[in-house]
Amino acid sequence: MRQIAEQVGLSEGFITQIERGLSTPSLISLYNLASTLETSVDTLLAQVPQRDHSIVSDAAELPDYSLYKEERVYHLLQRGFPEAQLNSCITHMPPGYVSELTRHEGEDFLFIIEGEMLYEVGGKEYVLRTGDTLHFPASLPHRARNIGASPARELWVGTTPILPGR
């Protein structure tokens, strides 16, 4: 457990909480865990949205999922073709939500659809409100916090291959 925690960059206690269903990892931390365990994210999820590739994401058919608790819900957006480099989702975060500190390969681009979020990236803090964006190398340590009084929604676009074939 200690070795996995060190490789993923999470505390051993946090991984134990994930195992017991007491904490939920971010989508990226789940990706890092799967990579360290030499498996894919879909093997760690109870239900993985299965869809054919399409250049259109129909809002009425957006697959969504949450991990253990519904404190954070992801709506996966369609990858238009199998070789696409970009992955995206809309994330819903309740007031007071705080993610774990993480880092991973690729780039992250965030657009705040609604709400007020505080992002820590590479040791600096950025407050983003509705309409603001943030684009950074995902290798920098980063975390998100909903500092508003209401739920926040963000569009995440990144080059990290979250789910295989998505």
Protein backbone atom coordinates (compact mmCIF):
# COMPACT_ATOMS: atom_id res chain seq x y z
CA MET A 1 0.00 0.00 0.00
CA ARG A 2 2.82 2.39 0.92
CA GLN A 3 4.61 1.76 -2.38
CA ILE A 4 1.44 2.40 -4.42
CA ALA A 5 0.72 5.57 -2.43
CA GLU A 6 4.23 6.88 -3.11
CA GLN A 7 4.02 6.10 -6.84
CA VAL A 8 0.59 7.72 -7.21
CA GLY A 9 1.47 10.72 -5.04
CA LEU A 10 -1.37 10.17 -2.57
CA SER A 11 -1.18 9.40 1.11
CA GLU A 12 -1.53 5.82 2.28
CA GLY A 13 -4.43 6.98 4.46
CA PHE A 14 -6.26 8.47 1.47
CA ILE A 15 -5.91 5.23 -0.51
CA THR A 16 -7.28 3.32 2.48
CA GLN A 17 -10.23 5.74 2.61
CA ILE A 18 -10.85 5.14 -1.11
CA GLU A 19 -10.84 1.37 -0.53
CA ARG A 20 -13.33 1.73 2.32
CA GLY A 21 -15.59 4.09 0.35
CA LEU A 22 -14.95 7.00 2.73
CA SER A 23 -13.23 9.24 0.16
CA THR A 24 -13.53 9.59 -3.56
CA PRO A 25 -10.53 10.15 -5.80
CA SER A 26 -10.66 12.62 -8.64
CA LEU A 27 -10.86 11.20 -12.12
CA ILE A 28 -7.16 11.95 -12.59
CA SER A 29 -6.15 10.28 -9.31
CA LEU A 30 -8.18 7.27 -10.37
CA TYR A 31 -6.23 7.30 -13.66
CA ASN A 32 -2.92 7.51 -11.75
CA LEU A 33 -3.97 4.62 -9.50
CA ALA A 34 -4.95 2.49 -12.48
CA SER A 35 -1.67 3.26 -14.26
CA THR A 36 0.35 2.34 -11.17
CA LEU A 37 -1.60 -0.92 -10.85
CA GLU A 38 -1.00 -1.53 -14.59
CA THR A 39 -4.71 -1.63 -15.37
CA SER A 40 -7.26 0.77 -16.82
CA VAL A 41 -9.72 3.07 -15.09
CA ASP A 42 -12.70 1.07 -16.36
CA THR A 43 -11.57 -1.97 -14.32
CA LEU A 44 -11.86 0.16 -11.15
CA LEU A 45 -15.36 1.44 -11.88
CA ALA A 46 -18.52 -0.47 -11.13
CA GLN A 47 -20.21 0.89 -14.23
CA VAL A 48 -18.35 2.32 -17.20
CA PRO A 49 -20.31 4.27 -19.79
CA GLN A 50 -20.04 2.44 -23.12
CA ARG A 51 -20.59 4.46 -26.26
CA ASP A 52 -19.65 4.40 -29.86
CA HIS A 53 -17.53 7.28 -31.13
CA SER A 54 -19.43 10.19 -32.60
CA ILE A 55 -18.43 13.70 -33.55
CA VAL A 56 -21.50 14.92 -31.64
CA SER A 57 -22.24 14.70 -27.90
CA ASP A 58 -26.01 14.68 -27.41
CA ALA A 59 -26.76 16.45 -24.11
CA ALA A 60 -29.69 14.12 -23.43
CA GLU A 61 -27.39 11.10 -23.68
CA LEU A 62 -24.30 12.29 -21.81
CA PRO A 63 -22.96 9.36 -19.82
CA ASP A 64 -22.26 10.27 -16.22
CA TYR A 65 -20.85 8.59 -13.20
CA SER A 66 -19.67 9.29 -9.72
CA LEU A 67 -17.23 7.38 -7.56
CA TYR A 68 -18.70 5.84 -4.37
CA LYS A 69 -20.46 8.97 -3.18
CA GLU A 70 -22.20 11.53 -5.32
CA GLU A 71 -20.08 14.40 -4.05
CA ARG A 72 -18.62 14.84 -7.53
CA VAL A 73 -20.44 13.81 -10.69
CA TYR A 74 -18.76 13.56 -14.10
CA HIS A 75 -20.55 13.87 -17.44
CA LEU A 76 -18.21 12.38 -20.03
CA LEU A 77 -18.23 14.18 -23.36
CA GLN A 78 -17.84 12.24 -26.58
CA ARG A 79 -14.48 11.70 -28.22
CA GLY A 80 -15.17 12.17 -31.90
CA PHE A 81 -12.88 9.44 -33.20
CA PRO A 82 -10.78 6.60 -31.73
CA GLU A 83 -7.38 8.34 -32.18
CA ALA A 84 -8.49 11.62 -30.59
CA GLN A 85 -5.94 13.14 -28.20
CA LEU A 86 -8.39 15.23 -26.19
CA ASN A 87 -10.64 13.95 -23.43
CA SER A 88 -13.30 16.05 -21.76
CA CYS A 89 -15.99 16.01 -19.13
CA ILE A 90 -18.22 18.34 -17.19
CA THR A 91 -17.66 18.02 -13.46
CA HIS A 92 -20.25 18.98 -10.83
CA MET A 93 -18.80 19.84 -7.41
CA PRO A 94 -20.80 20.68 -4.26
CA PRO A 95 -19.95 23.64 -2.00
CA GLY A 96 -16.93 22.89 0.17
CA TYR A 97 -15.60 20.20 -2.16
CA VAL A 98 -11.80 19.83 -2.09
CA SER A 99 -9.87 17.47 -4.36
CA GLU A 100 -6.68 15.72 -3.46
CA LEU A 101 -3.36 17.14 -4.65
CA THR A 102 -2.39 15.36 -7.86
CA ARG A 103 -0.15 15.49 -10.90
CA HIS A 104 -0.17 13.49 -14.11
CA GLU A 105 0.96 13.51 -17.71
CA GLY A 106 -0.36 15.91 -20.33
CA GLU A 107 -2.19 19.22 -20.20
CA ASP A 108 -5.34 20.38 -18.41
CA PHE A 109 -7.70 23.11 -19.59
CA LEU A 110 -10.57 24.22 -17.34
CA PHE A 111 -13.54 26.47 -18.10
CA ILE A 112 -15.81 27.46 -15.22
CA ILE A 113 -19.40 27.03 -16.41
CA GLU A 114 -20.80 28.27 -13.10
CA GLY A 115 -19.61 28.82 -9.57
CA GLU A 116 -16.43 29.94 -7.88
CA MET A 117 -13.39 27.69 -7.63
CA LEU A 118 -9.94 28.00 -6.12
CA TYR A 119 -7.21 26.10 -7.96
CA GLU A 120 -3.74 25.46 -6.58
CA VAL A 121 -1.31 24.86 -9.44
CA GLY A 122 2.42 24.56 -8.94
CA GLY A 123 2.24 26.22 -5.52
CA LYS A 124 0.20 29.24 -6.72
CA GLU A 125 -3.49 29.91 -6.11
CA TYR A 126 -6.00 31.04 -8.74
CA VAL A 127 -9.61 32.03 -8.05
CA LEU A 128 -11.82 31.33 -11.06
CA ARG A 129 -15.42 32.40 -11.50
CA THR A 130 -18.04 31.77 -14.15
CA GLY A 131 -16.47 32.23 -17.58
CA ASP A 132 -12.84 32.07 -16.43
CA THR A 133 -10.32 29.55 -17.77
CA LEU A 134 -7.11 27.90 -16.61
CA HIS A 135 -4.62 26.02 -18.83
CA PHE A 136 -1.50 24.40 -17.39
CA PRO A 137 0.94 21.47 -17.67
CA ALA A 138 -0.69 18.70 -15.65
CA SER A 139 2.74 17.61 -14.38
CA LEU A 140 2.50 20.51 -11.91
CA PRO A 141 0.95 19.54 -8.57
CA HIS A 142 -2.65 20.76 -8.57
CA ARG A 143 -5.93 20.61 -6.67
CA ALA A 144 -9.37 22.20 -6.85
CA ARG A 145 -11.67 23.64 -4.17
CA ASN A 146 -15.23 24.92 -4.51
CA ILE A 147 -15.10 28.11 -2.44
CA GLY A 148 -18.57 29.28 -3.43
CA ALA A 149 -21.84 28.89 -1.55
CA SER A 150 -23.42 26.92 -4.41
CA PRO A 151 -22.45 23.95 -6.57
CA ALA A 152 -19.85 24.59 -9.26
CA ARG A 153 -19.60 23.14 -12.75
CA GLU A 154 -16.46 23.05 -14.85
CA LEU A 155 -15.57 21.84 -18.29
CA TRP A 156 -12.31 19.87 -18.14
CA VAL A 157 -10.39 19.16 -21.33
CA GLY A 158 -7.13 17.26 -21.12
CA THR A 159 -4.72 15.04 -22.95
CA THR A 160 -4.65 12.38 -20.23
CA PRO A 161 -6.19 9.17 -21.63
CA ILE A 162 -8.75 8.57 -18.85
CA LEU A 163 -10.77 5.67 -20.25
CA PRO A 164 -9.39 3.39 -22.95
CA GLY A 165 -11.10 3.74 -26.31
CA ARG A 166 -13.00 6.84 -25.17
